[in-house]
Amino acid sequence: LSHAAHFVAAAQGVGELPYLLQQFVITTTTVRSVRERDRSLMGK
């Protein structure tokens, strides 16, 4: 990867940060709620 391509990739990565952060939060929240549900199901 050339320096220019590397810089462009980094710039695109920064542009995607808000989206990636949003996806991360959604995924984390979903996993947590699923685990809570599984725990309550096992408790029955």
PDB file of N, CA and C in Angstrom:
ATOM      1  N   LEU A   1       0.856  -1.195   0.000  1.00  0.00           N
ATOM      2  CA  LEU A   1       0.000   0.000   0.000  1.00  0.00           C
ATOM      3  C   LEU A   1       0.892   1.245   0.000  1.00  0.00           C
ATOM      4  N   SER A   2       0.674   2.114  -0.992  1.00  0.00           N
ATOM      5  CA  SER A   2       1.468   3.335  -1.072  1.00  0.00           C
ATOM      6  C   SER A   2       1.028   4.307   0.024  1.00  0.00           C
ATOM      7  N   HIS A   3       1.878   5.335   0.259  1.00  0.00           N
ATOM      8  CA  HIS A   3       1.547   6.312   1.299  1.00  0.00           C
ATOM      9  C   HIS A   3       0.254   7.040   0.973  1.00  0.00           C
ATOM     10  N   ALA A   4       0.057   7.388  -0.302  1.00  0.00           N
ATOM     11  CA  ALA A   4      -1.147   8.117  -0.708  1.00  0.00           C
ATOM     12  C   ALA A   4      -2.389   7.258  -0.465  1.00  0.00           C
ATOM     13  N   ALA A   5      -2.318   5.997  -0.875  1.00  0.00           N
ATOM     14  CA  ALA A   5      -3.457   5.097  -0.692  1.00  0.00           C
ATOM     15  C   ALA A   5      -3.728   4.887   0.795  1.00  0.00           C
ATOM     16  N   HIS A   6      -2.646   4.806   1.553  1.00  0.00           N
ATOM     17  CA  HIS A   6      -2.779   4.613   2.996  1.00  0.00           C
ATOM     18  C   HIS A   6      -3.479   5.815   3.619  1.00  0.00           C
ATOM     19  N   PHE A   7      -3.112   7.024   3.164  1.00  0.00           N
ATOM     20  CA  PHE A   7      -3.709   8.255   3.688  1.00  0.00           C
ATOM     21  C   PHE A   7      -5.191   8.313   3.330  1.00  0.00           C
ATOM     22  N   VAL A   8      -5.524   7.926   2.093  1.00  0.00           N
ATOM     23  CA  VAL A   8      -6.925   7.941   1.656  1.00  0.00           C
ATOM     24  C   VAL A   8      -7.735   6.946   2.472  1.00  0.00           C
ATOM     25  N   ALA A   9      -7.156   5.765   2.697  1.00  0.00           N
ATOM     26  CA  ALA A   9      -7.847   4.740   3.484  1.00  0.00           C
ATOM     27  C   ALA A   9      -8.076   5.241   4.905  1.00  0.00           C
ATOM     28  N   ALA A  10      -7.086   5.913   5.457  1.00  0.00           N
ATOM     29  CA  ALA A  10      -7.210   6.449   6.814  1.00  0.00           C
ATOM     30  C   ALA A  10      -8.295   7.523   6.857  1.00  0.00           C
ATOM     31  N   ALA A  11      -8.332   8.379   5.841  1.00  0.00           N
ATOM     32  CA  ALA A  11      -9.329   9.445   5.781  1.00  0.00           C
ATOM     33  C   ALA A  11     -10.732   8.847   5.675  1.00  0.00           C
ATOM     34  N   GLN A  12     -10.876   7.801   4.881  1.00  0.00           N
ATOM     35  CA  GLN A  12     -12.167   7.135   4.740  1.00  0.00           C
ATOM     36  C   GLN A  12     -12.551   6.480   6.062  1.00  0.00           C
ATOM     37  N   GLY A  13     -11.555   5.913   6.739  1.00  0.00           N
ATOM     38  CA  GLY A  13     -11.807   5.281   8.030  1.00  0.00           C
ATOM     39  C   GLY A  13     -12.344   6.285   9.031  1.00  0.00           C
ATOM     40  N   VAL A  14     -11.747   7.493   9.042  1.00  0.00           N
ATOM     41  CA  VAL A  14     -12.201   8.545   9.957  1.00  0.00           C
ATOM     42  C   VAL A  14     -13.632   8.941   9.611  1.00  0.00           C
ATOM     43  N   GLY A  15     -13.942   8.967   8.309  1.00  0.00           N
ATOM     44  CA  GLY A  15     -15.282   9.327   7.872  1.00  0.00           C
ATOM     45  C   GLY A  15     -16.310   8.294   8.299  1.00  0.00           C
ATOM     46  N   GLU A  16     -15.865   7.041   8.418  1.00  0.00           N
ATOM     47  CA  GLU A  16     -16.777   5.960   8.792  1.00  0.00           C
ATOM     48  C   GLU A  16     -16.882   5.766  10.300  1.00  0.00           C
ATOM     49  N   LEU A  17     -16.037   6.463  11.055  1.00  0.00           N
ATOM     50  CA  LEU A  17     -16.033   6.270  12.508  1.00  0.00           C
ATOM     51  C   LEU A  17     -17.405   6.422  13.155  1.00  0.00           C
ATOM     52  N   PRO A  18     -18.146   7.497  12.861  1.00  0.00           N
ATOM     53  CA  PRO A  18     -19.464   7.636  13.491  1.00  0.00           C
ATOM     54  C   PRO A  18     -20.367   6.446  13.194  1.00  0.00           C
ATOM     55  N   TYR A  19     -20.333   5.969  11.937  1.00  0.00           N
ATOM     56  CA  TYR A  19     -21.165   4.826  11.545  1.00  0.00           C
ATOM     57  C   TYR A  19     -20.720   3.563  12.281  1.00  0.00           C
ATOM     58  N   LEU A  20     -19.391   3.350  12.325  1.00  0.00           N
ATOM     59  CA  LEU A  20     -18.861   2.162  12.997  1.00  0.00           C
ATOM     60  C   LEU A  20     -19.184   2.200  14.487  1.00  0.00           C
ATOM     61  N   LEU A  21     -19.086   3.389  15.066  1.00  0.00           N
ATOM     62  CA  LEU A  21     -19.388   3.538  16.491  1.00  0.00           C
ATOM     63  C   LEU A  21     -20.858   3.222  16.737  1.00  0.00           C
ATOM     64  N   GLN A  22     -21.712   3.704  15.833  1.00  0.00           N
ATOM     65  CA  GLN A  22     -23.148   3.444  15.951  1.00  0.00           C
ATOM     66  C   GLN A  22     -23.416   1.949  15.869  1.00  0.00           C
ATOM     67  N   GLN A  23     -22.779   1.292  14.893  1.00  0.00           N
ATOM     68  CA  GLN A  23     -22.963  -0.154  14.723  1.00  0.00           C
ATOM     69  C   GLN A  23     -22.484  -0.908  15.961  1.00  0.00           C
ATOM     70  N   PHE A  24     -21.351  -0.446  16.517  1.00  0.00           N
ATOM     71  CA  PHE A  24     -20.798  -1.084  17.704  1.00  0.00           C
ATOM     72  C   PHE A  24     -21.762  -0.981  18.881  1.00  0.00           C
ATOM     73  N   VAL A  25     -22.343   0.206  19.059  1.00  0.00           N
ATOM     74  CA  VAL A  25     -23.285   0.418  20.163  1.00  0.00           C
ATOM     75  C   VAL A  25     -24.525  -0.454  19.979  1.00  0.00           C
ATOM     76  N   ILE A  26     -25.026  -0.507  18.736  1.00  0.00           N
ATOM     77  CA  ILE A  26     -26.213  -1.324  18.449  1.00  0.00           C
ATOM     78  C   ILE A  26     -25.917  -2.795  18.744  1.00  0.00           C
ATOM     79  N   THR A  27     -24.760  -3.257  18.270  1.00  0.00           N
ATOM     80  CA  THR A  27     -24.383  -4.660  18.464  1.00  0.00           C
ATOM     81  C   THR A  27     -24.236  -4.976  19.954  1.00  0.00           C
ATOM     82  N   THR A  28     -23.547  -4.095  20.671  1.00  0.00           N
ATOM     83  CA  THR A  28     -23.328  -4.310  22.102  1.00  0.00           C
ATOM     84  C   THR A  28     -24.653  -4.361  22.850  1.00  0.00           C
ATOM     85  N   THR A  29     -25.548  -3.423  22.514  1.00  0.00           N
ATOM     86  CA  THR A  29     -26.856  -3.369  23.174  1.00  0.00           C
ATOM     87  C   THR A  29     -27.656  -4.622  22.885  1.00  0.00           C
ATOM     88  N   THR A  30     -27.600  -5.073  21.617  1.00  0.00           N
ATOM     89  CA  THR A  30     -28.347  -6.275  21.223  1.00  0.00           C
ATOM     90  C   THR A  30     -27.822  -7.500  21.960  1.00  0.00           C
ATOM     91  N   VAL A  31     -26.494  -7.642  21.978  1.00  0.00           N
ATOM     92  CA  VAL A  31     -25.883  -8.792  22.651  1.00  0.00           C
ATOM     93  C   VAL A  31     -26.249  -8.791  24.130  1.00  0.00           C
ATOM     94  N   ARG A  32     -26.219  -7.609  24.732  1.00  0.00           N
ATOM     95  CA  ARG A  32     -26.519  -7.510  26.167  1.00  0.00           C
ATOM     96  C   ARG A  32     -27.973  -7.916  26.437  1.00  0.00           C
ATOM     97  N   SER A  33     -28.896  -7.429  25.612  1.00  0.00           N
ATOM     98  CA  SER A  33     -30.308  -7.749  25.825  1.00  0.00           C
ATOM     99  C   SER A  33     -30.563  -9.238  25.605  1.00  0.00           C
ATOM    100  N   VAL A  34     -29.869  -9.819  24.620  1.00  0.00           N
ATOM    101  CA  VAL A  34     -30.028 -11.258  24.360  1.00  0.00           C
ATOM    102  C   VAL A  34     -29.506 -12.062  25.541  1.00  0.00           C
ATOM    103  N   ARG A  35     -28.374 -11.641  26.096  1.00  0.00           N
ATOM    104  CA  ARG A  35     -27.814 -12.350  27.247  1.00  0.00           C
ATOM    105  C   ARG A  35     -28.743 -12.255  28.447  1.00  0.00           C
ATOM    106  N   GLU A  36     -29.326 -11.072  28.639  1.00  0.00           N
ATOM    107  CA  GLU A  36     -30.256 -10.887  29.754  1.00  0.00           C
ATOM    108  C   GLU A  36     -31.456 -11.808  29.579  1.00  0.00           C
ATOM    109  N   ARG A  37     -31.962 -11.901  28.346  1.00  0.00           N
ATOM    110  CA  ARG A  37     -33.110 -12.741  28.058  1.00  0.00           C
ATOM    111  C   ARG A  37     -32.759 -14.215  28.302  1.00  0.00           C
ATOM    112  N   ASP A  38     -31.571 -14.625  27.833  1.00  0.00           N
ATOM    113  CA  ASP A  38     -31.131 -16.012  28.026  1.00  0.00           C
ATOM    114  C   ASP A  38     -31.022 -16.330  29.515  1.00  0.00           C
ATOM    115  N   ARG A  39     -30.501 -15.366  30.269  1.00  0.00           N
ATOM    116  CA  ARG A  39     -30.324 -15.579  31.705  1.00  0.00           C
ATOM    117  C   ARG A  39     -31.675 -15.759  32.387  1.00  0.00           C
ATOM    118  N   SER A  40     -32.658 -14.936  31.986  1.00  0.00           N
ATOM    119  CA  SER A  40     -33.984 -15.028  32.599  1.00  0.00           C
ATOM    120  C   SER A  40     -34.658 -16.329  32.192  1.00  0.00           C
ATOM    121  N   LEU A  41     -34.403 -16.788  30.952  1.00  0.00           N
ATOM    122  CA  LEU A  41     -34.992 -18.058  30.501  1.00  0.00           C
ATOM    123  C   LEU A  41     -34.406 -19.227  31.276  1.00  0.00           C
ATOM    124  N   MET A  42     -33.093 -19.152  31.532  1.00  0.00           N
ATOM    125  CA  MET A  42     -32.445 -20.234  32.275  1.00  0.00           C
ATOM    126  C   MET A  42     -32.913 -20.246  33.715  1.00  0.00           C
ATOM    127  N   GLY A  43     -33.271 -19.081  34.228  1.00  0.00           N
ATOM    128  CA  GLY A  43     -33.703 -18.988  35.614  1.00  0.00           C
ATOM    129  C   GLY A  43     -35.047 -19.664  35.851  1.00  0.00           C
ATOM    130  N   LYS A  44     -35.840 -19.811  34.783  1.00  0.00           N
ATOM    131  CA  LYS A  44     -37.172 -20.409  34.953  1.00  0.00           C
ATOM    132  C   LYS A  44     -37.088 -21.919  35.114  1.00  0.00           C
TER     133      LYS A  44
END
